[in-house]
């Protein structure tokens, strides 16, 4: 059952999952897309990464971005993206799995060189890491199939049970919902934090929670992956990519400016030459999520969840 498989994936401990190497290749194929090494970009990479390769952390299960199959092999858009980065730079990439709330601590501990993820660019994160943004989207509600409680925005969650992902930034991101409820004389939102995105969606499916807020592409990907459906995605009609649109991208430690420069230039090249667009198409993701060019460290104003 897909439900059991998602739950099993969500409980695997952090491990190193393998290395992809392109150090001696001038051109390789990643997910059916040809990637050519760029000598000028490779020259931007600090020598230690050219010699020893790059170590990237990722946080599955986060369909369609990163998952792990029954054999323990990682797959998904971000895995292909990471391999494309390594191929463009002509180096190796070693992947390691972390939990969402340990992403930045793992970088600070020196366990990884960058986060191969989709984290939102926030002022709080910018104090610790550089964000190499290449996407922009918001969050959507996931509710029971048919939306029996008619939950359309955050304003409808007063007195309801909301499942959220542990490690959201800032930590009080959802507190504004209860502040608004109390101002209207309504009960606060009952919030439960869970370790992984599929856990929050499965909580809605099982009836343990009434709704969850999830990044829009992950909400769409995860609901498709759940056998039998029983959940649906709700987003504002005027903003199909979700509420509170933010920029999203890779994370690199603040002090690692040379690596930030090399990765931002490399990701930008994959944007400009259409590689990322082709990868997005393979996973059924909306191309309008992609930026025209990489933007480093730009937190957008919080527009709320209503």
C-alpha atoms as a PDB file:
ATOM      1  CA  UNK A   1       0.000   0.000   0.000  1.00  0.00           C
ATOM      2  CA  UNK A   2       1.247   3.491  -0.832  1.00  0.00           C
ATOM      3  CA  UNK A   3       0.173   4.711   2.615  1.00  0.00           C
ATOM      4  CA  UNK A   4       2.396   2.153   4.323  1.00  0.00           C
ATOM      5  CA  UNK A   5       5.272   2.919   1.969  1.00  0.00           C
ATOM      6  CA  UNK A   6       5.090   6.666   2.647  1.00  0.00           C
ATOM      7  CA  UNK A   7       5.009   6.031   6.385  1.00  0.00           C
ATOM      8  CA  UNK A   8       7.980   3.667   6.138  1.00  0.00           C
ATOM      9  CA  UNK A   9       9.961   6.215   4.118  1.00  0.00           C
ATOM     10  CA  UNK A  10       9.176   8.927   6.645  1.00  0.00           C
ATOM     11  CA  UNK A  11      10.791   6.974   9.501  1.00  0.00           C
ATOM     12  CA  UNK A  12      14.125   6.058   7.898  1.00  0.00           C
ATOM     13  CA  UNK A  13      17.134   7.497   9.753  1.00  0.00           C
ATOM     14  CA  UNK A  14      19.491  10.034   8.148  1.00  0.00           C
ATOM     15  CA  UNK A  15      21.969   8.192   5.931  1.00  0.00           C
ATOM     16  CA  UNK A  16      24.312   8.743   3.010  1.00  0.00           C
ATOM     17  CA  UNK A  17      22.570   7.364  -0.040  1.00  0.00           C
ATOM     18  CA  UNK A  18      25.200   7.286  -2.759  1.00  0.00           C
ATOM     19  CA  UNK A  19      27.449   9.265  -5.057  1.00  0.00           C
ATOM     20  CA  UNK A  20      27.087  10.339  -8.669  1.00  0.00           C
ATOM     21  CA  UNK A  21      30.326  11.282 -10.418  1.00  0.00           C
ATOM     22  CA  UNK A  22      30.951  13.310 -13.564  1.00  0.00           C
ATOM     23  CA  UNK A  23      34.543  14.423 -12.988  1.00  0.00           C
ATOM     24  CA  UNK A  24      35.866  13.019 -16.256  1.00  0.00           C
ATOM     25  CA  UNK A  25      32.840  13.581 -18.467  1.00  0.00           C
ATOM     26  CA  UNK A  26      32.365  16.540 -20.801  1.00  0.00           C
ATOM     27  CA  UNK A  27      28.740  15.651 -21.483  1.00  0.00           C
ATOM     28  CA  UNK A  28      26.339  13.346 -19.660  1.00  0.00           C
ATOM     29  CA  UNK A  29      22.630  12.582 -19.760  1.00  0.00           C
ATOM     30  CA  UNK A  30      20.565  13.237 -16.638  1.00  0.00           C
ATOM     31  CA  UNK A  31      16.928  12.092 -16.727  1.00  0.00           C
ATOM     32  CA  UNK A  32      17.030  12.140 -20.519  1.00  0.00           C
ATOM     33  CA  UNK A  33      18.483  15.669 -20.676  1.00  0.00           C
ATOM     34  CA  UNK A  34      22.014  16.197 -21.989  1.00  0.00           C
ATOM     35  CA  UNK A  35      24.188  18.251 -19.626  1.00  0.00           C
ATOM     36  CA  UNK A  36      27.476  19.705 -20.859  1.00  0.00           C
ATOM     37  CA  UNK A  37      30.315  20.580 -18.492  1.00  0.00           C
ATOM     38  CA  UNK A  38      31.102  24.298 -18.350  1.00  0.00           C
ATOM     39  CA  UNK A  39      34.795  24.932 -17.718  1.00  0.00           C
ATOM     40  CA  UNK A  40      34.224  28.548 -16.677  1.00  0.00           C
ATOM     41  CA  UNK A  41      31.677  27.510 -14.050  1.00  0.00           C
ATOM     42  CA  UNK A  42      33.909  24.654 -12.874  1.00  0.00           C
ATOM     43  CA  UNK A  43      36.677  27.188 -12.331  1.00  0.00           C
ATOM     44  CA  UNK A  44      34.443  29.067  -9.871  1.00  0.00           C
ATOM     45  CA  UNK A  45      34.179  25.979  -7.681  1.00  0.00           C
ATOM     46  CA  UNK A  46      36.700  26.051  -4.815  1.00  0.00           C
ATOM     47  CA  UNK A  47      39.454  23.499  -5.321  1.00  0.00           C
ATOM     48  CA  UNK A  48      38.432  21.239  -2.448  1.00  0.00           C
ATOM     49  CA  UNK A  49      35.051  20.622  -4.098  1.00  0.00           C
ATOM     50  CA  UNK A  50      36.658  19.907  -7.443  1.00  0.00           C
ATOM     51  CA  UNK A  51      38.894  17.326  -5.784  1.00  0.00           C
ATOM     52  CA  UNK A  52      36.515  15.754  -3.261  1.00  0.00           C
ATOM     53  CA  UNK A  53      33.144  16.542  -4.835  1.00  0.00           C
ATOM     54  CA  UNK A  54      30.032  18.111  -3.369  1.00  0.00           C
ATOM     55  CA  UNK A  55      27.944  16.781  -0.494  1.00  0.00           C
ATOM     56  CA  UNK A  56      24.263  17.669  -0.626  1.00  0.00           C
ATOM     57  CA  UNK A  57      21.590  17.006   1.964  1.00  0.00           C
ATOM     58  CA  UNK A  58      17.955  16.458   1.054  1.00  0.00           C
ATOM     59  CA  UNK A  59      14.735  15.905   2.971  1.00  0.00           C
ATOM     60  CA  UNK A  60      12.466  13.170   1.614  1.00  0.00           C
ATOM     61  CA  UNK A  61       9.704  12.239   1.289  1.00  0.00           C
ATOM     62  CA  UNK A  62       8.686  15.401  -0.551  1.00  0.00           C
ATOM     63  CA  UNK A  63       6.990  14.359  -3.782  1.00  0.00           C
ATOM     64  CA  UNK A  64       7.663  15.154  -6.551  1.00  0.00           C
ATOM     65  CA  UNK A  65      10.911  16.771  -5.407  1.00  0.00           C
ATOM     66  CA  UNK A  66      12.603  13.977  -3.472  1.00  0.00           C
ATOM     67  CA  UNK A  67      11.555  10.436  -2.598  1.00  0.00           C
ATOM     68  CA  UNK A  68      13.200   7.100  -1.829  1.00  0.00           C
ATOM     69  CA  UNK A  69      12.109   3.877  -3.516  1.00  0.00           C
ATOM     70  CA  UNK A  70      11.643   0.494  -1.846  1.00  0.00           C
ATOM     71  CA  UNK A  71      15.266  -0.383  -2.600  1.00  0.00           C
ATOM     72  CA  UNK A  72      16.488   2.708  -0.756  1.00  0.00           C
ATOM     73  CA  UNK A  73      17.417   4.659  -3.894  1.00  0.00           C
ATOM     74  CA  UNK A  74      16.626   8.399  -3.964  1.00  0.00           C
ATOM     75  CA  UNK A  75      14.692   9.802  -6.903  1.00  0.00           C
ATOM     76  CA  UNK A  76      12.705  12.876  -7.884  1.00  0.00           C
ATOM     77  CA  UNK A  77      13.162  16.302  -9.419  1.00  0.00           C
ATOM     78  CA  UNK A  78      15.736  17.492  -6.881  1.00  0.00           C
ATOM     79  CA  UNK A  79      17.835  14.356  -7.330  1.00  0.00           C
ATOM     80  CA  UNK A  80      17.948  14.976 -11.071  1.00  0.00           C
ATOM     81  CA  UNK A  81      18.631  18.661 -10.433  1.00  0.00           C
ATOM     82  CA  UNK A  82      21.537  17.842  -8.115  1.00  0.00           C
ATOM     83  CA  UNK A  83      23.015  15.492 -10.704  1.00  0.00           C
ATOM     84  CA  UNK A  84      22.649  18.205 -13.341  1.00  0.00           C
ATOM     85  CA  UNK A  85      24.561  20.646 -11.100  1.00  0.00           C
ATOM     86  CA  UNK A  86      27.369  18.114 -10.613  1.00  0.00           C
ATOM     87  CA  UNK A  87      27.497  17.355 -14.339  1.00  0.00           C
ATOM     88  CA  UNK A  88      27.660  21.058 -15.279  1.00  0.00           C
ATOM     89  CA  UNK A  89      30.513  21.534 -12.802  1.00  0.00           C
ATOM     90  CA  UNK A  90      32.259  18.284 -13.756  1.00  0.00           C
ATOM     91  CA  UNK A  91      32.403  16.975 -10.196  1.00  0.00           C
ATOM     92  CA  UNK A  92      30.784  14.331  -7.975  1.00  0.00           C
ATOM     93  CA  UNK A  93      27.687  14.637  -5.817  1.00  0.00           C
ATOM     94  CA  UNK A  94      27.102  12.648  -2.629  1.00  0.00           C
ATOM     95  CA  UNK A  95      23.571  12.699  -1.215  1.00  0.00           C
ATOM     96  CA  UNK A  96      22.590  12.375   2.425  1.00  0.00           C
ATOM     97  CA  UNK A  97      19.164  12.365   4.008  1.00  0.00           C
ATOM     98  CA  UNK A  98      18.193  14.676   6.891  1.00  0.00           C
ATOM     99  CA  UNK A  99      14.998  15.579   8.716  1.00  0.00           C
ATOM    100  CA  UNK A 100      13.452  18.975   7.975  1.00  0.00           C
ATOM    101  CA  UNK A 101      14.331  20.503  11.336  1.00  0.00           C
ATOM    102  CA  UNK A 102      17.994  19.437  11.052  1.00  0.00           C
ATOM    103  CA  UNK A 103      18.689  20.985   7.628  1.00  0.00           C
ATOM    104  CA  UNK A 104      20.605  24.033   8.846  1.00  0.00           C
ATOM    105  CA  UNK A 105      22.233  22.307  11.868  1.00  0.00           C
ATOM    106  CA  UNK A 106      23.643  19.650   9.505  1.00  0.00           C
ATOM    107  CA  UNK A 107      25.182  22.383   7.360  1.00  0.00           C
ATOM    108  CA  UNK A 108      26.576  24.137  10.433  1.00  0.00           C
ATOM    109  CA  UNK A 109      28.100  20.871  11.642  1.00  0.00           C
ATOM    110  CA  UNK A 110      29.962  20.539   8.341  1.00  0.00           C
ATOM    111  CA  UNK A 111      28.198  17.325   7.360  1.00  0.00           C
ATOM    112  CA  UNK A 112      27.068  18.759   4.007  1.00  0.00           C
ATOM    113  CA  UNK A 113      28.049  21.576   1.656  1.00  0.00           C
ATOM    114  CA  UNK A 114      24.574  22.662   0.604  1.00  0.00           C
ATOM    115  CA  UNK A 115      20.906  21.791   0.919  1.00  0.00           C
ATOM    116  CA  UNK A 116      19.340  20.415  -2.227  1.00  0.00           C
ATOM    117  CA  UNK A 117      15.869  21.566  -1.346  1.00  0.00           C
ATOM    118  CA  UNK A 118      12.987  23.944  -1.817  1.00  0.00           C
ATOM    119  CA  UNK A 119      13.091  25.971   1.385  1.00  0.00           C
ATOM    120  CA  UNK A 120      11.561  29.423   1.345  1.00  0.00           C
ATOM    121  CA  UNK A 121      13.782  32.488   1.510  1.00  0.00           C
ATOM    122  CA  UNK A 122      13.062  34.165   4.854  1.00  0.00           C
ATOM    123  CA  UNK A 123      14.893  36.812   6.836  1.00  0.00           C
ATOM    124  CA  UNK A 124      15.348  34.314   9.652  1.00  0.00           C
ATOM    125  CA  UNK A 125      17.111  31.821   7.367  1.00  0.00           C
ATOM    126  CA  UNK A 126      19.256  34.546   5.804  1.00  0.00           C
ATOM    127  CA  UNK A 127      20.927  35.100   9.173  1.00  0.00           C
ATOM    128  CA  UNK A 128      22.473  31.619   8.880  1.00  0.00           C
ATOM    129  CA  UNK A 129      22.520  30.658   5.209  1.00  0.00           C
ATOM    130  CA  UNK A 130      22.551  32.070   1.688  1.00  0.00           C
ATOM    131  CA  UNK A 131      19.525  31.090  -0.375  1.00  0.00           C
ATOM    132  CA  UNK A 132      20.071  30.455  -4.078  1.00  0.00           C
ATOM    133  CA  UNK A 133      16.520  30.950  -5.314  1.00  0.00           C
ATOM    134  CA  UNK A 134      15.297  29.514  -8.597  1.00  0.00           C
ATOM    135  CA  UNK A 135      11.551  29.023  -7.923  1.00  0.00           C
ATOM    136  CA  UNK A 136       8.608  30.986  -6.616  1.00  0.00           C
ATOM    137  CA  UNK A 137       5.344  29.574  -5.190  1.00  0.00           C
ATOM    138  CA  UNK A 138       3.129  29.590  -2.123  1.00  0.00           C
ATOM    139  CA  UNK A 139       1.256  27.145   0.074  1.00  0.00           C
ATOM    140  CA  UNK A 140      -2.090  25.416  -0.397  1.00  0.00           C
ATOM    141  CA  UNK A 141      -4.566  23.722   1.895  1.00  0.00           C
ATOM    142  CA  UNK A 142      -4.991  19.964   1.746  1.00  0.00           C
ATOM    143  CA  UNK A 143      -8.414  18.859   3.009  1.00  0.00           C
ATOM    144  CA  UNK A 144     -10.673  15.817   2.909  1.00  0.00           C
ATOM    145  CA  UNK A 145     -11.933  14.846  -0.526  1.00  0.00           C
ATOM    146  CA  UNK A 146     -15.000  16.915  -1.365  1.00  0.00           C
ATOM    147  CA  UNK A 147     -14.010  19.488   1.283  1.00  0.00           C
ATOM    148  CA  UNK A 148     -16.915  18.568   3.625  1.00  0.00           C
ATOM    149  CA  UNK A 149     -16.087  21.402   6.067  1.00  0.00           C
ATOM    150  CA  UNK A 150     -15.884  23.968   3.240  1.00  0.00           C
ATOM    151  CA  UNK A 151     -12.410  25.141   4.236  1.00  0.00           C
ATOM    152  CA  UNK A 152     -11.370  27.792   1.709  1.00  0.00           C
ATOM    153  CA  UNK A 153      -8.770  29.942   3.497  1.00  0.00           C
ATOM    154  CA  UNK A 154      -6.923  30.211   6.789  1.00  0.00           C
ATOM    155  CA  UNK A 155      -9.888  32.169   8.175  1.00  0.00           C
ATOM    156  CA  UNK A 156     -11.967  28.981   8.069  1.00  0.00           C
ATOM    157  CA  UNK A 157      -9.647  27.048  10.413  1.00  0.00           C
ATOM    158  CA  UNK A 158     -10.833  28.508  13.738  1.00  0.00           C
ATOM    159  CA  UNK A 159     -11.497  25.602  16.095  1.00  0.00           C
ATOM    160  CA  UNK A 160     -10.230  23.147  13.478  1.00  0.00           C
ATOM    161  CA  UNK A 161      -7.301  20.707  13.675  1.00  0.00           C
ATOM    162  CA  UNK A 162      -4.366  21.794  11.508  1.00  0.00           C
ATOM    163  CA  UNK A 163      -1.354  19.538  10.868  1.00  0.00           C
ATOM    164  CA  UNK A 164       1.880  21.372   9.996  1.00  0.00           C
ATOM    165  CA  UNK A 165       5.428  20.335   9.177  1.00  0.00           C
ATOM    166  CA  UNK A 166       7.937  20.578  12.013  1.00  0.00           C
ATOM    167  CA  UNK A 167      10.731  23.053  11.333  1.00  0.00           C
ATOM    168  CA  UNK A 168       8.686  25.647   9.447  1.00  0.00           C
ATOM    169  CA  UNK A 169      10.410  29.063   9.274  1.00  0.00           C
ATOM    170  CA  UNK A 170       9.636  31.186  11.153  1.00  0.00           C
ATOM    171  CA  UNK A 171       8.460  28.813  13.920  1.00  0.00           C
ATOM    172  CA  UNK A 172       5.410  30.998  14.663  1.00  0.00           C
ATOM    173  CA  UNK A 173       4.363  31.099  10.994  1.00  0.00           C
ATOM    174  CA  UNK A 174       0.849  29.812  11.720  1.00  0.00           C
ATOM    175  CA  UNK A 175       0.216  31.759  14.933  1.00  0.00           C
ATOM    176  CA  UNK A 176      -1.416  34.577  12.981  1.00  0.00           C
ATOM    177  CA  UNK A 177      -4.319  32.256  12.209  1.00  0.00           C
ATOM    178  CA  UNK A 178      -5.262  31.931  15.863  1.00  0.00           C
ATOM    179  CA  UNK A 179      -4.699  35.655  16.483  1.00  0.00           C
ATOM    180  CA  UNK A 180      -7.241  36.380  13.758  1.00  0.00           C
ATOM    181  CA  UNK A 181      -9.683  33.808  15.141  1.00  0.00           C
ATOM    182  CA  UNK A 182      -9.554  35.247  18.653  1.00  0.00           C
ATOM    183  CA  UNK A 183     -10.034  38.768  17.285  1.00  0.00           C
ATOM    184  CA  UNK A 184     -13.280  37.532  15.729  1.00  0.00           C
ATOM    185  CA  UNK A 185     -14.390  35.845  18.953  1.00  0.00           C
ATOM    186  CA  UNK A 186     -13.732  32.349  17.596  1.00  0.00           C
ATOM    187  CA  UNK A 187     -11.688  29.479  19.047  1.00  0.00           C
ATOM    188  CA  UNK A 188      -8.000  29.186  18.178  1.00  0.00           C
ATOM    189  CA  UNK A 189      -6.641  26.752  15.601  1.00  0.00           C
ATOM    190  CA  UNK A 190      -5.572  23.435  17.111  1.00  0.00           C
ATOM    191  CA  UNK A 191      -2.093  22.927  15.611  1.00  0.00           C
ATOM    192  CA  UNK A 192      -0.178  19.645  15.578  1.00  0.00           C
ATOM    193  CA  UNK A 193       3.397  19.453  14.238  1.00  0.00           C
ATOM    194  CA  UNK A 194       4.556  16.355  12.377  1.00  0.00           C
ATOM    195  CA  UNK A 195       8.037  15.373  11.100  1.00  0.00           C
ATOM    196  CA  UNK A 196       7.329  14.975   7.384  1.00  0.00           C
ATOM    197  CA  UNK A 197       4.993  16.417   4.768  1.00  0.00           C
ATOM    198  CA  UNK A 198       3.367  13.052   3.889  1.00  0.00           C
ATOM    199  CA  UNK A 199       2.586  12.627   7.596  1.00  0.00           C
ATOM    200  CA  UNK A 200       0.559  15.849   7.574  1.00  0.00           C
ATOM    201  CA  UNK A 201      -1.370  14.781   4.464  1.00  0.00           C
ATOM    202  CA  UNK A 202      -1.983  11.287   5.802  1.00  0.00           C
ATOM    203  CA  UNK A 203      -3.293  12.869   9.024  1.00  0.00           C
ATOM    204  CA  UNK A 204      -5.930  14.649   6.945  1.00  0.00           C
ATOM    205  CA  UNK A 205      -6.771  11.482   5.048  1.00  0.00           C
ATOM    206  CA  UNK A 206      -7.184   9.470   8.266  1.00  0.00           C
ATOM    207  CA  UNK A 207      -9.334  12.143   9.915  1.00  0.00           C
ATOM    208  CA  UNK A 208      -6.772  12.911  12.631  1.00  0.00           C
ATOM    209  CA  UNK A 209      -6.548  16.459  11.245  1.00  0.00           C
ATOM    210  CA  UNK A 210      -8.988  18.610   9.312  1.00  0.00           C
ATOM    211  CA  UNK A 211      -6.410  20.270   7.073  1.00  0.00           C
ATOM    212  CA  UNK A 212      -2.749  20.928   6.449  1.00  0.00           C
ATOM    213  CA  UNK A 213      -0.878  23.754   4.759  1.00  0.00           C
ATOM    214  CA  UNK A 214       1.722  22.385   2.330  1.00  0.00           C
ATOM    215  CA  UNK A 215       3.806  23.985  -0.414  1.00  0.00           C
ATOM    216  CA  UNK A 216       1.659  23.941  -3.531  1.00  0.00           C
ATOM    217  CA  UNK A 217       3.826  21.679  -5.750  1.00  0.00           C
ATOM    218  CA  UNK A 218       4.374  19.223  -2.903  1.00  0.00           C
ATOM    219  CA  UNK A 219       0.652  19.220  -2.108  1.00  0.00           C
ATOM    220  CA  UNK A 220      -0.175  18.351  -5.709  1.00  0.00           C
ATOM    221  CA  UNK A 221       2.559  15.720  -5.949  1.00  0.00           C
ATOM    222  CA  UNK A 222       1.790  14.061  -2.628  1.00  0.00           C
ATOM    223  CA  UNK A 223      -1.956  13.866  -3.169  1.00  0.00           C
ATOM    224  CA  UNK A 224      -1.373  12.193  -6.534  1.00  0.00           C
ATOM    225  CA  UNK A 225       0.909   9.644  -4.850  1.00  0.00           C
ATOM    226  CA  UNK A 226      -1.651   8.596  -2.232  1.00  0.00           C
ATOM    227  CA  UNK A 227      -3.533   5.566  -3.464  1.00  0.00           C
ATOM    228  CA  UNK A 228      -7.267   6.050  -3.510  1.00  0.00           C
ATOM    229  CA  UNK A 229      -7.072   9.836  -3.130  1.00  0.00           C
ATOM    230  CA  UNK A 230      -9.455  10.838  -0.311  1.00  0.00           C
ATOM    231  CA  UNK A 231      -7.815  14.288  -0.079  1.00  0.00           C
ATOM    232  CA  UNK A 232      -7.876  17.373  -2.285  1.00  0.00           C
ATOM    233  CA  UNK A 233      -5.896  20.594  -2.740  1.00  0.00           C
ATOM    234  CA  UNK A 234      -7.466  24.026  -2.127  1.00  0.00           C
ATOM    235  CA  UNK A 235      -5.738  27.196  -3.357  1.00  0.00           C
ATOM    236  CA  UNK A 236      -6.968  30.724  -4.060  1.00  0.00           C
ATOM    237  CA  UNK A 237      -8.543  31.177  -7.500  1.00  0.00           C
ATOM    238  CA  UNK A 238      -6.605  34.374  -8.071  1.00  0.00           C
ATOM    239  CA  UNK A 239      -3.287  32.712  -7.119  1.00  0.00           C
ATOM    240  CA  UNK A 240      -3.139  29.072  -8.294  1.00  0.00           C
ATOM    241  CA  UNK A 241       0.414  28.719  -6.968  1.00  0.00           C
ATOM    242  CA  UNK A 242      -0.919  29.260  -3.447  1.00  0.00           C
ATOM    243  CA  UNK A 243      -1.067  31.807  -0.655  1.00  0.00           C
ATOM    244  CA  UNK A 244       1.927  33.816   0.498  1.00  0.00           C
ATOM    245  CA  UNK A 245       4.193  33.276  -2.506  1.00  0.00           C
ATOM    246  CA  UNK A 246       7.879  33.154  -1.576  1.00  0.00           C
ATOM    247  CA  UNK A 247      11.148  32.453  -3.378  1.00  0.00           C
ATOM    248  CA  UNK A 248      12.648  28.991  -2.904  1.00  0.00           C
ATOM    249  CA  UNK A 249      16.046  27.451  -3.521  1.00  0.00           C
ATOM    250  CA  UNK A 250      19.273  25.872  -2.351  1.00  0.00           C
ATOM    251  CA  UNK A 251      20.827  26.629   1.051  1.00  0.00           C
ATOM    252  CA  UNK A 252      24.552  27.317   1.555  1.00  0.00           C
ATOM    253  CA  UNK A 253      26.232  28.385   4.785  1.00  0.00           C
ATOM    254  CA  UNK A 254      26.504  32.172   5.066  1.00  0.00           C
ATOM    255  CA  UNK A 255      30.288  32.163   5.323  1.00  0.00           C
ATOM    256  CA  UNK A 256      30.730  29.942   2.267  1.00  0.00           C
ATOM    257  CA  UNK A 257      30.560  32.762  -0.260  1.00  0.00           C
ATOM    258  CA  UNK A 258      32.726  31.098  -2.928  1.00  0.00           C
ATOM    259  CA  UNK A 259      30.495  28.025  -3.051  1.00  0.00           C
ATOM    260  CA  UNK A 260      27.418  30.263  -3.070  1.00  0.00           C
ATOM    261  CA  UNK A 261      28.817  32.106  -6.099  1.00  0.00           C
ATOM    262  CA  UNK A 262      29.646  28.864  -7.945  1.00  0.00           C
ATOM    263  CA  UNK A 263      26.254  27.277  -7.253  1.00  0.00           C
ATOM    264  CA  UNK A 264      24.242  30.400  -8.083  1.00  0.00           C
ATOM    265  CA  UNK A 265      26.052  30.759 -11.434  1.00  0.00           C
ATOM    266  CA  UNK A 266      25.571  27.065 -12.188  1.00  0.00           C
ATOM    267  CA  UNK A 267      21.876  27.021 -11.296  1.00  0.00           C
ATOM    268  CA  UNK A 268      21.413  30.177 -13.353  1.00  0.00           C
ATOM    269  CA  UNK A 269      22.977  28.454 -16.367  1.00  0.00           C
ATOM    270  CA  UNK A 270      20.547  25.531 -15.960  1.00  0.00           C
ATOM    271  CA  UNK A 271      17.670  28.008 -15.830  1.00  0.00           C
ATOM    272  CA  UNK A 272      18.762  30.005 -18.866  1.00  0.00           C
ATOM    273  CA  UNK A 273      19.516  27.026 -21.128  1.00  0.00           C
ATOM    274  CA  UNK A 274      16.154  25.386 -20.406  1.00  0.00           C
ATOM    275  CA  UNK A 275      17.470  22.369 -18.482  1.00  0.00           C
ATOM    276  CA  UNK A 276      15.352  23.058 -15.414  1.00  0.00           C
ATOM    277  CA  UNK A 277      12.303  23.640 -17.584  1.00  0.00           C
ATOM    278  CA  UNK A 278      12.786  20.206 -19.171  1.00  0.00           C
ATOM    279  CA  UNK A 279      13.153  18.565 -15.748  1.00  0.00           C
ATOM    280  CA  UNK A 280      10.030  20.328 -14.484  1.00  0.00           C
ATOM    281  CA  UNK A 281       8.076  19.070 -17.486  1.00  0.00           C
ATOM    282  CA  UNK A 282       9.081  15.483 -16.712  1.00  0.00           C
ATOM    283  CA  UNK A 283       7.539  15.766 -13.241  1.00  0.00           C
ATOM    284  CA  UNK A 284       4.415  17.608 -14.354  1.00  0.00           C
ATOM    285  CA  UNK A 285       5.325  20.792 -12.501  1.00  0.00           C
ATOM    286  CA  UNK A 286       4.144  24.197 -13.672  1.00  0.00           C
ATOM    287  CA  UNK A 287       6.886  26.007 -15.526  1.00  0.00           C
ATOM    288  CA  UNK A 288       5.651  29.353 -14.207  1.00  0.00           C
ATOM    289  CA  UNK A 289       7.166  28.410 -10.845  1.00  0.00           C
ATOM    290  CA  UNK A 290      10.642  28.894 -12.344  1.00  0.00           C
ATOM    291  CA  UNK A 291      12.314  32.287 -12.094  1.00  0.00           C
ATOM    292  CA  UNK A 292      13.860  33.948 -15.136  1.00  0.00           C
ATOM    293  CA  UNK A 293      17.191  34.071 -13.319  1.00  0.00           C
ATOM    294  CA  UNK A 294      18.663  33.119  -9.964  1.00  0.00           C
ATOM    295  CA  UNK A 295      18.040  35.526  -7.091  1.00  0.00           C
ATOM    296  CA  UNK A 296      20.217  35.209  -3.983  1.00  0.00           C
ATOM    297  CA  UNK A 297      18.771  36.222  -0.601  1.00  0.00           C
ATOM    298  CA  UNK A 298      15.496  37.997  -1.259  1.00  0.00           C
ATOM    299  CA  UNK A 299      12.704  37.449   1.248  1.00  0.00           C
ATOM    300  CA  UNK A 300       9.340  38.555  -0.078  1.00  0.00           C
ATOM    301  CA  UNK A 301       6.723  40.253   2.145  1.00  0.00           C
ATOM    302  CA  UNK A 302       4.451  37.893   4.058  1.00  0.00           C
ATOM    303  CA  UNK A 303       0.989  38.230   2.497  1.00  0.00           C
ATOM    304  CA  UNK A 304      -0.743  35.860   4.900  1.00  0.00           C
ATOM    305  CA  UNK A 305      -2.806  32.695   4.554  1.00  0.00           C
ATOM    306  CA  UNK A 306      -6.230  34.254   4.048  1.00  0.00           C
END
